[in-house]
């Protein structure tokens, strides 16, 4: 009898782990997912959501509060190399789709609180 209970419990546990994994993935905003998928965290961190930059020597700023300083229109222009900041343009130029860019920019512009 114990043999039947154990496999059943193992299957139940597997479904529970899968459900929790899916729930966590759905909790991540689409813009945040794009930030990671497009490897923006190579240079930038977002400390408020525990995203660290991969290049420790990168001088690119933490974006946790960028939405308090810049609006979505400016961020879009920045990613498209249409504006400068301190005499420099963003590197690299955006390479995703316009829809992806809109999603990413909306998320970045929403970052307004430093912890």
C-alpha atoms as a PDB file:
ATOM      1  CA  UNK A   1       0.000   0.000   0.000  1.00  0.00           C
ATOM      2  CA  UNK A   2       2.850   2.381   0.736  1.00  0.00           C
ATOM      3  CA  UNK A   3       4.115   1.924  -2.807  1.00  0.00           C
ATOM      4  CA  UNK A   4       0.875   3.331  -4.211  1.00  0.00           C
ATOM      5  CA  UNK A   5       0.821   6.318  -1.876  1.00  0.00           C
ATOM      6  CA  UNK A   6       4.419   7.352  -2.596  1.00  0.00           C
ATOM      7  CA  UNK A   7       4.090   7.603  -6.407  1.00  0.00           C
ATOM      8  CA  UNK A   8       0.820   9.504  -5.977  1.00  0.00           C
ATOM      9  CA  UNK A   9       2.455  11.941  -3.582  1.00  0.00           C
ATOM     10  CA  UNK A  10       5.402  12.371  -5.931  1.00  0.00           C
ATOM     11  CA  UNK A  11       3.063  13.251  -8.799  1.00  0.00           C
ATOM     12  CA  UNK A  12       1.133  15.671  -6.592  1.00  0.00           C
ATOM     13  CA  UNK A  13       4.381  17.320  -5.483  1.00  0.00           C
ATOM     14  CA  UNK A  14       5.544  17.627  -9.100  1.00  0.00           C
ATOM     15  CA  UNK A  15       2.301  19.377 -10.079  1.00  0.00           C
ATOM     16  CA  UNK A  16       2.614  21.700  -7.088  1.00  0.00           C
ATOM     17  CA  UNK A  17       6.188  22.676  -8.064  1.00  0.00           C
ATOM     18  CA  UNK A  18       5.087  23.266 -11.662  1.00  0.00           C
ATOM     19  CA  UNK A  19       2.150  25.412 -10.524  1.00  0.00           C
ATOM     20  CA  UNK A  20       4.370  27.561  -8.276  1.00  0.00           C
ATOM     21  CA  UNK A  21       6.901  27.995 -11.101  1.00  0.00           C
ATOM     22  CA  UNK A  22       4.189  29.121 -13.519  1.00  0.00           C
ATOM     23  CA  UNK A  23       2.703  31.495 -10.942  1.00  0.00           C
ATOM     24  CA  UNK A  24       6.097  33.087 -10.334  1.00  0.00           C
ATOM     25  CA  UNK A  25       6.737  33.513 -14.065  1.00  0.00           C
ATOM     26  CA  UNK A  26       3.368  35.253 -14.445  1.00  0.00           C
ATOM     27  CA  UNK A  27       4.218  37.637 -11.600  1.00  0.00           C
ATOM     28  CA  UNK A  28       7.148  39.096 -13.556  1.00  0.00           C
ATOM     29  CA  UNK A  29       6.053  42.109 -15.632  1.00  0.00           C
ATOM     30  CA  UNK A  30       6.525  41.710 -19.391  1.00  0.00           C
ATOM     31  CA  UNK A  31       8.857  44.715 -19.479  1.00  0.00           C
ATOM     32  CA  UNK A  32      11.059  43.221 -16.788  1.00  0.00           C
ATOM     33  CA  UNK A  33      11.178  39.944 -18.704  1.00  0.00           C
ATOM     34  CA  UNK A  34      12.242  41.844 -21.850  1.00  0.00           C
ATOM     35  CA  UNK A  35      14.885  43.712 -19.830  1.00  0.00           C
ATOM     36  CA  UNK A  36      16.433  40.355 -18.985  1.00  0.00           C
ATOM     37  CA  UNK A  37      15.786  38.695 -22.363  1.00  0.00           C
ATOM     38  CA  UNK A  38      17.389  41.607 -24.249  1.00  0.00           C
ATOM     39  CA  UNK A  39      20.306  41.478 -21.794  1.00  0.00           C
ATOM     40  CA  UNK A  40      19.902  45.064 -20.593  1.00  0.00           C
ATOM     41  CA  UNK A  41      21.247  43.759 -17.280  1.00  0.00           C
ATOM     42  CA  UNK A  42      24.625  43.233 -18.906  1.00  0.00           C
ATOM     43  CA  UNK A  43      25.267  46.901 -18.127  1.00  0.00           C
ATOM     44  CA  UNK A  44      22.321  48.078 -15.980  1.00  0.00           C
ATOM     45  CA  UNK A  45      21.027  46.996 -12.615  1.00  0.00           C
ATOM     46  CA  UNK A  46      17.576  47.526 -11.124  1.00  0.00           C
ATOM     47  CA  UNK A  47      18.214  47.094  -7.431  1.00  0.00           C
ATOM     48  CA  UNK A  48      14.551  47.520  -6.436  1.00  0.00           C
ATOM     49  CA  UNK A  49      13.653  44.271  -8.215  1.00  0.00           C
ATOM     50  CA  UNK A  50      16.940  42.539  -7.404  1.00  0.00           C
ATOM     51  CA  UNK A  51      18.386  42.661 -10.933  1.00  0.00           C
ATOM     52  CA  UNK A  52      22.151  42.968 -10.858  1.00  0.00           C
ATOM     53  CA  UNK A  53      24.354  43.921 -13.786  1.00  0.00           C
ATOM     54  CA  UNK A  54      26.562  41.226 -15.233  1.00  0.00           C
ATOM     55  CA  UNK A  55      29.490  43.538 -15.965  1.00  0.00           C
ATOM     56  CA  UNK A  56      30.732  44.650 -12.582  1.00  0.00           C
ATOM     57  CA  UNK A  57      32.881  47.377 -14.150  1.00  0.00           C
ATOM     58  CA  UNK A  58      29.969  48.872 -16.133  1.00  0.00           C
ATOM     59  CA  UNK A  59      29.385  52.555 -15.424  1.00  0.00           C
ATOM     60  CA  UNK A  60      25.782  52.325 -16.628  1.00  0.00           C
ATOM     61  CA  UNK A  61      23.426  53.492 -13.872  1.00  0.00           C
ATOM     62  CA  UNK A  62      21.030  51.541 -11.727  1.00  0.00           C
ATOM     63  CA  UNK A  63      17.582  52.190 -13.217  1.00  0.00           C
ATOM     64  CA  UNK A  64      15.556  51.774 -10.009  1.00  0.00           C
ATOM     65  CA  UNK A  65      14.452  55.417 -10.046  1.00  0.00           C
ATOM     66  CA  UNK A  66      14.787  56.386 -13.713  1.00  0.00           C
ATOM     67  CA  UNK A  67      11.036  56.901 -14.118  1.00  0.00           C
ATOM     68  CA  UNK A  68      11.219  59.818 -11.684  1.00  0.00           C
ATOM     69  CA  UNK A  69      13.777  61.503 -13.917  1.00  0.00           C
ATOM     70  CA  UNK A  70      12.733  60.540 -17.460  1.00  0.00           C
ATOM     71  CA  UNK A  71       9.423  59.876 -19.205  1.00  0.00           C
ATOM     72  CA  UNK A  72       8.606  57.099 -21.685  1.00  0.00           C
ATOM     73  CA  UNK A  73       9.022  59.395 -24.697  1.00  0.00           C
ATOM     74  CA  UNK A  74      12.565  60.352 -23.666  1.00  0.00           C
ATOM     75  CA  UNK A  75      13.519  56.756 -22.845  1.00  0.00           C
ATOM     76  CA  UNK A  76      12.303  55.659 -26.296  1.00  0.00           C
ATOM     77  CA  UNK A  77      14.395  58.369 -27.960  1.00  0.00           C
ATOM     78  CA  UNK A  78      17.375  57.345 -25.826  1.00  0.00           C
ATOM     79  CA  UNK A  79      17.126  53.692 -26.888  1.00  0.00           C
ATOM     80  CA  UNK A  80      16.837  54.806 -30.525  1.00  0.00           C
ATOM     81  CA  UNK A  81      19.919  57.061 -30.199  1.00  0.00           C
ATOM     82  CA  UNK A  82      17.873  60.190 -30.906  1.00  0.00           C
ATOM     83  CA  UNK A  83      18.970  62.068 -27.765  1.00  0.00           C
ATOM     84  CA  UNK A  84      22.195  62.444 -25.818  1.00  0.00           C
ATOM     85  CA  UNK A  85      22.937  62.407 -22.123  1.00  0.00           C
ATOM     86  CA  UNK A  86      26.123  64.104 -21.000  1.00  0.00           C
ATOM     87  CA  UNK A  87      27.286  64.191 -24.627  1.00  0.00           C
ATOM     88  CA  UNK A  88      26.784  60.469 -25.199  1.00  0.00           C
ATOM     89  CA  UNK A  89      24.174  58.267 -26.850  1.00  0.00           C
ATOM     90  CA  UNK A  90      22.915  54.934 -25.555  1.00  0.00           C
ATOM     91  CA  UNK A  91      24.886  51.873 -26.550  1.00  0.00           C
ATOM     92  CA  UNK A  92      23.641  49.788 -28.281  1.00  0.00           C
ATOM     93  CA  UNK A  93      20.745  51.009 -30.418  1.00  0.00           C
ATOM     94  CA  UNK A  94      17.491  49.139 -29.721  1.00  0.00           C
ATOM     95  CA  UNK A  95      17.244  45.971 -31.802  1.00  0.00           C
ATOM     96  CA  UNK A  96      13.864  44.576 -30.789  1.00  0.00           C
ATOM     97  CA  UNK A  97      10.436  45.151 -32.278  1.00  0.00           C
ATOM     98  CA  UNK A  98       8.510  48.393 -31.732  1.00  0.00           C
ATOM     99  CA  UNK A  99       5.999  46.476 -29.584  1.00  0.00           C
ATOM    100  CA  UNK A 100       8.787  45.058 -27.410  1.00  0.00           C
ATOM    101  CA  UNK A 101      10.326  48.488 -27.091  1.00  0.00           C
ATOM    102  CA  UNK A 102       7.014  49.983 -25.971  1.00  0.00           C
ATOM    103  CA  UNK A 103       6.601  47.254 -23.348  1.00  0.00           C
ATOM    104  CA  UNK A 104      10.156  47.691 -22.086  1.00  0.00           C
ATOM    105  CA  UNK A 105       9.945  51.488 -22.024  1.00  0.00           C
ATOM    106  CA  UNK A 106       6.656  51.450 -20.110  1.00  0.00           C
ATOM    107  CA  UNK A 107       8.226  49.205 -17.479  1.00  0.00           C
ATOM    108  CA  UNK A 108      11.429  51.256 -17.213  1.00  0.00           C
ATOM    109  CA  UNK A 109       9.417  54.492 -16.984  1.00  0.00           C
ATOM    110  CA  UNK A 110       7.414  52.952 -14.116  1.00  0.00           C
ATOM    111  CA  UNK A 111      10.589  52.504 -12.030  1.00  0.00           C
ATOM    112  CA  UNK A 112      10.202  55.377  -9.589  1.00  0.00           C
ATOM    113  CA  UNK A 113      11.021  54.117  -6.129  1.00  0.00           C
ATOM    114  CA  UNK A 114      14.407  53.375  -4.689  1.00  0.00           C
ATOM    115  CA  UNK A 115      14.580  50.985  -1.764  1.00  0.00           C
END
